[in-house]
Amino acid sequence: MRFSHKGCTLIAVTSPVLRLPRTFIRYTDNHRVESLLLSNDTKGLEHLINRLGPDVRVDGDKTLLMLSAEGNYLWTTNLLCAHHADVHAKDEKARTALHHAAIWGADDIAQTLLNAGATIDPQDHSGRTPLWYAAAKHYPDSAIVDVLLTAGANSKIRDSRGINPNDLL
């Protein structure tokens, strides 16, 4: 399937090799999807979602929801959640959109993802949870840490090196 919008061409290919219903996207200009997010182009994003679905994958096997979390684009996150984007989807490092929100300190995004049913303690390939990243990258009293702890995040889950968020807080 081919999708074009404002000079950006995206090609969706379903991979039978993975035996998973996963869609990969290749696009001609790596910055076009980010431009769509940055410009608050709701119409363009709606068109993309309607043509390729809310779980379309882009750069680095990330979903639009993950990119939205990284960029702290609350309007995009709300739009994708309204279109039932998969809040449990994982990238190549087994990180979810909640991991990305925690890494970037996007507390409003994290709350939106949790309200949409995101699992509070998913572990990536290193065994790290969103709370682990929030504690490691932000002050212990930061809003992102508060959001995750209030939602019931387990601060005792250890990563592959034996470190848990309590060690970082």
C-alpha atoms as a PDB file:
ATOM      1  CA  MET A   1       0.000   0.000   0.000  1.00  0.00           C
ATOM      2  CA  ARG A   2       1.325   3.446  -0.893  1.00  0.00           C
ATOM      3  CA  PHE A   3       0.390   6.642   0.941  1.00  0.00           C
ATOM      4  CA  SER A   4       1.375  10.151  -0.096  1.00  0.00           C
ATOM      5  CA  HIS A   5       0.837  13.376   1.804  1.00  0.00           C
ATOM      6  CA  LYS A   6       2.630  16.699   1.302  1.00  0.00           C
ATOM      7  CA  GLY A   7       5.589  15.193  -0.527  1.00  0.00           C
ATOM      8  CA  CYS A   8       6.014  12.183   1.762  1.00  0.00           C
ATOM      9  CA  THR A   9       5.662   8.700   0.330  1.00  0.00           C
ATOM     10  CA  LEU A  10       5.124   5.821   2.724  1.00  0.00           C
ATOM     11  CA  ILE A  11       5.040   2.211   1.677  1.00  0.00           C
ATOM     12  CA  ALA A  12       3.437  -0.358   3.970  1.00  0.00           C
ATOM     13  CA  VAL A  13       4.618  -3.949   3.736  1.00  0.00           C
ATOM     14  CA  THR A  14       3.319  -6.798   5.865  1.00  0.00           C
ATOM     15  CA  SER A  15       6.055  -9.286   6.698  1.00  0.00           C
ATOM     16  CA  PRO A  16       5.052 -12.986   6.612  1.00  0.00           C
ATOM     17  CA  VAL A  17       8.524 -13.930   7.869  1.00  0.00           C
ATOM     18  CA  LEU A  18       7.780 -12.608  11.368  1.00  0.00           C
ATOM     19  CA  ARG A  19       4.516 -14.553  11.556  1.00  0.00           C
ATOM     20  CA  LEU A  20       3.048 -11.522  13.291  1.00  0.00           C
ATOM     21  CA  PRO A  21       0.507  -9.044  11.957  1.00  0.00           C
ATOM     22  CA  ARG A  22       3.112  -6.267  11.941  1.00  0.00           C
ATOM     23  CA  THR A  23       3.316  -3.473   9.412  1.00  0.00           C
ATOM     24  CA  PHE A  24       6.657  -1.895   8.563  1.00  0.00           C
ATOM     25  CA  ILE A  25       6.930   1.487   6.940  1.00  0.00           C
ATOM     26  CA  ARG A  26       9.637   2.893   4.723  1.00  0.00           C
ATOM     27  CA  TYR A  27       9.393   6.547   3.839  1.00  0.00           C
ATOM     28  CA  THR A  28      11.358   8.741   1.493  1.00  0.00           C
ATOM     29  CA  ASP A  29      11.982  11.619   3.877  1.00  0.00           C
ATOM     30  CA  ASN A  30      12.793  10.620   7.441  1.00  0.00           C
ATOM     31  CA  HIS A  31      11.542  13.930   8.777  1.00  0.00           C
ATOM     32  CA  ARG A  32       8.094  13.968   7.149  1.00  0.00           C
ATOM     33  CA  VAL A  33       6.297  11.981   9.836  1.00  0.00           C
ATOM     34  CA  GLU A  34       7.912  14.124  12.520  1.00  0.00           C
ATOM     35  CA  SER A  35       6.888  17.217  10.527  1.00  0.00           C
ATOM     36  CA  LEU A  36       3.342  15.933  10.556  1.00  0.00           C
ATOM     37  CA  LEU A  37       3.523  15.642  14.346  1.00  0.00           C
ATOM     38  CA  LEU A  38       5.314  18.954  14.894  1.00  0.00           C
ATOM     39  CA  SER A  39       2.959  20.942  12.707  1.00  0.00           C
ATOM     40  CA  ASN A  40      -0.152  19.690  14.533  1.00  0.00           C
ATOM     41  CA  ASP A  41      -1.463  18.569  11.158  1.00  0.00           C
ATOM     42  CA  THR A  42      -4.521  16.746  12.462  1.00  0.00           C
ATOM     43  CA  LYS A  43      -5.984  16.288   8.993  1.00  0.00           C
ATOM     44  CA  GLY A  44      -2.752  14.781   7.650  1.00  0.00           C
ATOM     45  CA  LEU A  45      -2.371  12.492  10.639  1.00  0.00           C
ATOM     46  CA  GLU A  46      -6.020  11.401  10.413  1.00  0.00           C
ATOM     47  CA  HIS A  47      -5.445  10.607   6.735  1.00  0.00           C
ATOM     48  CA  LEU A  48      -2.349   8.551   7.598  1.00  0.00           C
ATOM     49  CA  ILE A  49      -4.182   6.666  10.357  1.00  0.00           C
ATOM     50  CA  ASN A  50      -7.209   5.995   8.141  1.00  0.00           C
ATOM     51  CA  ARG A  51      -5.042   4.689   5.298  1.00  0.00           C
ATOM     52  CA  LEU A  52      -2.456   2.662   7.240  1.00  0.00           C
ATOM     53  CA  GLY A  53      -3.962   2.219  10.702  1.00  0.00           C
ATOM     54  CA  PRO A  54      -3.007   3.647  14.095  1.00  0.00           C
ATOM     55  CA  ASP A  55      -0.270   1.049  14.680  1.00  0.00           C
ATOM     56  CA  VAL A  56       1.785   1.825  11.615  1.00  0.00           C
ATOM     57  CA  ARG A  57       5.522   1.428  12.248  1.00  0.00           C
ATOM     58  CA  VAL A  58       8.150   3.952  11.274  1.00  0.00           C
ATOM     59  CA  ASP A  59      11.807   4.652  12.021  1.00  0.00           C
ATOM     60  CA  GLY A  60      13.442   2.030  14.247  1.00  0.00           C
ATOM     61  CA  ASP A  61      10.343  -0.178  14.311  1.00  0.00           C
ATOM     62  CA  LYS A  62       8.545   2.424  16.423  1.00  0.00           C
ATOM     63  CA  THR A  63       4.829   3.058  16.248  1.00  0.00           C
ATOM     64  CA  LEU A  64       3.368   6.519  15.834  1.00  0.00           C
ATOM     65  CA  LEU A  65       2.332   6.283  19.474  1.00  0.00           C
ATOM     66  CA  MET A  66       5.972   5.791  20.512  1.00  0.00           C
ATOM     67  CA  LEU A  67       7.073   8.770  18.424  1.00  0.00           C
ATOM     68  CA  SER A  68       4.278  10.801  19.954  1.00  0.00           C
ATOM     69  CA  ALA A  69       5.451   9.834  23.449  1.00  0.00           C
ATOM     70  CA  GLU A  70       9.063  10.730  22.621  1.00  0.00           C
ATOM     71  CA  GLY A  71       8.050  14.130  21.319  1.00  0.00           C
ATOM     72  CA  ASN A  72       5.570  14.789  24.125  1.00  0.00           C
ATOM     73  CA  TYR A  73       2.787  15.341  21.563  1.00  0.00           C
ATOM     74  CA  LEU A  74      -0.281  15.074  23.771  1.00  0.00           C
ATOM     75  CA  TRP A  75      -2.782  15.870  20.998  1.00  0.00           C
ATOM     76  CA  THR A  76      -1.321  13.091  18.834  1.00  0.00           C
ATOM     77  CA  THR A  77      -1.346  10.610  21.709  1.00  0.00           C
ATOM     78  CA  ASN A  78      -5.009  11.400  22.391  1.00  0.00           C
ATOM     79  CA  LEU A  79      -5.835  11.046  18.692  1.00  0.00           C
ATOM     80  CA  LEU A  80      -4.027   7.709  18.399  1.00  0.00           C
ATOM     81  CA  CYS A  81      -5.639   6.382  21.583  1.00  0.00           C
ATOM     82  CA  ALA A  82      -9.040   7.457  20.242  1.00  0.00           C
ATOM     83  CA  HIS A  83      -8.251   5.336  17.163  1.00  0.00           C
ATOM     84  CA  HIS A  84      -7.413   2.404  19.483  1.00  0.00           C
ATOM     85  CA  ALA A  85      -3.662   2.383  18.878  1.00  0.00           C
ATOM     86  CA  ASP A  86      -1.962  -0.574  20.557  1.00  0.00           C
ATOM     87  CA  VAL A  87      -0.553   0.799  23.831  1.00  0.00           C
ATOM     88  CA  HIS A  88       1.201  -2.555  24.385  1.00  0.00           C
ATOM     89  CA  ALA A  89       3.160  -2.555  21.102  1.00  0.00           C
ATOM     90  CA  LYS A  90       6.929  -2.968  21.495  1.00  0.00           C
ATOM     91  CA  ASP A  91       9.840  -1.679  19.430  1.00  0.00           C
ATOM     92  CA  GLU A  92      13.069  -3.533  18.576  1.00  0.00           C
ATOM     93  CA  LYS A  93      14.286  -3.097  22.183  1.00  0.00           C
ATOM     94  CA  ALA A  94      10.938  -4.341  23.561  1.00  0.00           C
ATOM     95  CA  ARG A  95      10.061  -0.843  24.785  1.00  0.00           C
ATOM     96  CA  THR A  96       6.466   0.348  24.793  1.00  0.00           C
ATOM     97  CA  ALA A  97       5.145   3.870  24.334  1.00  0.00           C
ATOM     98  CA  LEU A  98       5.072   4.113  28.147  1.00  0.00           C
ATOM     99  CA  HIS A  99       8.823   3.403  28.219  1.00  0.00           C
ATOM    100  CA  HIS A 100       9.361   6.221  25.713  1.00  0.00           C
ATOM    101  CA  ALA A 101       7.198   8.612  27.724  1.00  0.00           C
ATOM    102  CA  ALA A 102       9.174   7.766  30.875  1.00  0.00           C
ATOM    103  CA  ILE A 103      12.531   8.241  29.151  1.00  0.00           C
ATOM    104  CA  TRP A 104      11.529  11.696  27.951  1.00  0.00           C
ATOM    105  CA  GLY A 105       9.720  12.704  31.141  1.00  0.00           C
ATOM    106  CA  ALA A 106       6.367  13.087  29.389  1.00  0.00           C
ATOM    107  CA  ASP A 107       4.084  12.762  32.409  1.00  0.00           C
ATOM    108  CA  ASP A 108       0.880  13.832  30.592  1.00  0.00           C
ATOM    109  CA  ILE A 109       1.569  11.280  27.871  1.00  0.00           C
ATOM    110  CA  ALA A 110       2.221   8.571  30.475  1.00  0.00           C
ATOM    111  CA  GLN A 111      -1.072   9.366  32.210  1.00  0.00           C
ATOM    112  CA  THR A 112      -2.925   9.248  28.881  1.00  0.00           C
ATOM    113  CA  LEU A 113      -1.352   5.874  28.020  1.00  0.00           C
ATOM    114  CA  LEU A 114      -2.214   4.468  31.432  1.00  0.00           C
ATOM    115  CA  ASN A 115      -5.798   5.726  31.071  1.00  0.00           C
ATOM    116  CA  ALA A 116      -5.902   3.925  27.702  1.00  0.00           C
ATOM    117  CA  GLY A 117      -4.946   0.646  29.372  1.00  0.00           C
ATOM    118  CA  ALA A 118      -1.148   0.544  29.110  1.00  0.00           C
ATOM    119  CA  THR A 119       0.518  -2.010  31.359  1.00  0.00           C
ATOM    120  CA  ILE A 120       2.302  -0.233  34.206  1.00  0.00           C
ATOM    121  CA  ASP A 121       5.400  -2.476  34.465  1.00  0.00           C
ATOM    122  CA  PRO A 122       6.354  -3.861  31.037  1.00  0.00           C
ATOM    123  CA  GLN A 123      10.001  -4.887  30.852  1.00  0.00           C
ATOM    124  CA  ASP A 124      12.270  -4.263  27.873  1.00  0.00           C
ATOM    125  CA  HIS A 125      15.150  -6.505  26.728  1.00  0.00           C
ATOM    126  CA  SER A 126      17.265  -5.192  29.628  1.00  0.00           C
ATOM    127  CA  GLY A 127      14.511  -5.932  32.131  1.00  0.00           C
ATOM    128  CA  ARG A 128      13.872  -2.233  32.666  1.00  0.00           C
ATOM    129  CA  THR A 129      10.428  -0.835  33.359  1.00  0.00           C
ATOM    130  CA  PRO A 130       9.143   2.663  32.607  1.00  0.00           C
ATOM    131  CA  LEU A 131       9.674   3.538  36.290  1.00  0.00           C
ATOM    132  CA  TRP A 132      13.305   2.398  36.026  1.00  0.00           C
ATOM    133  CA  TYR A 133      13.881   4.867  33.171  1.00  0.00           C
ATOM    134  CA  ALA A 134      11.949   7.649  34.885  1.00  0.00           C
ATOM    135  CA  ALA A 135      14.037   7.224  38.043  1.00  0.00           C
ATOM    136  CA  ALA A 136      17.316   6.996  36.104  1.00  0.00           C
ATOM    137  CA  LYS A 137      16.744   9.966  33.830  1.00  0.00           C
ATOM    138  CA  HIS A 138      14.776  12.385  36.002  1.00  0.00           C
ATOM    139  CA  TYR A 139      14.788  13.639  39.560  1.00  0.00           C
ATOM    140  CA  PRO A 140      13.120  11.282  42.044  1.00  0.00           C
ATOM    141  CA  ASP A 141      10.458  13.899  42.762  1.00  0.00           C
ATOM    142  CA  SER A 142       9.693  14.516  39.080  1.00  0.00           C
ATOM    143  CA  ALA A 143       6.142  14.391  37.755  1.00  0.00           C
ATOM    144  CA  ILE A 144       6.795  11.300  35.624  1.00  0.00           C
ATOM    145  CA  VAL A 145       7.973   9.314  38.658  1.00  0.00           C
ATOM    146  CA  ASP A 146       4.897  10.477  40.597  1.00  0.00           C
ATOM    147  CA  VAL A 147       2.534   9.464  37.789  1.00  0.00           C
ATOM    148  CA  LEU A 148       4.021   5.976  37.573  1.00  0.00           C
ATOM    149  CA  LEU A 149       4.159   5.391  41.340  1.00  0.00           C
ATOM    150  CA  THR A 150       0.589   6.676  41.784  1.00  0.00           C
ATOM    151  CA  ALA A 151      -0.536   4.246  39.069  1.00  0.00           C
ATOM    152  CA  GLY A 152       1.017   1.373  41.033  1.00  0.00           C
ATOM    153  CA  ALA A 153       4.406   0.875  39.385  1.00  0.00           C
ATOM    154  CA  ASN A 154       6.551  -1.691  41.186  1.00  0.00           C
ATOM    155  CA  SER A 155       9.789  -0.060  42.327  1.00  0.00           C
ATOM    156  CA  LYS A 156      11.352  -3.420  43.236  1.00  0.00           C
ATOM    157  CA  ILE A 157      11.605  -4.949  39.752  1.00  0.00           C
ATOM    158  CA  ARG A 158      15.287  -5.451  38.969  1.00  0.00           C
ATOM    159  CA  ASP A 159      16.835  -5.091  35.527  1.00  0.00           C
ATOM    160  CA  SER A 160      19.326  -7.565  34.018  1.00  0.00           C
ATOM    161  CA  ARG A 161      22.127  -5.961  36.078  1.00  0.00           C
ATOM    162  CA  GLY A 162      20.252  -6.298  39.348  1.00  0.00           C
ATOM    163  CA  ILE A 163      19.344  -2.614  39.688  1.00  0.00           C
ATOM    164  CA  ASN A 164      15.805  -1.585  40.599  1.00  0.00           C
ATOM    165  CA  PRO A 165      14.166   1.852  40.606  1.00  0.00           C
ATOM    166  CA  ASN A 166      14.518   2.077  44.402  1.00  0.00           C
ATOM    167  CA  ASP A 167      18.296   2.004  43.918  1.00  0.00           C
ATOM    168  CA  LEU A 168      17.947   5.000  41.619  1.00  0.00           C
ATOM    169  CA  LEU A 169      15.453   6.922  43.752  1.00  0.00           C
END
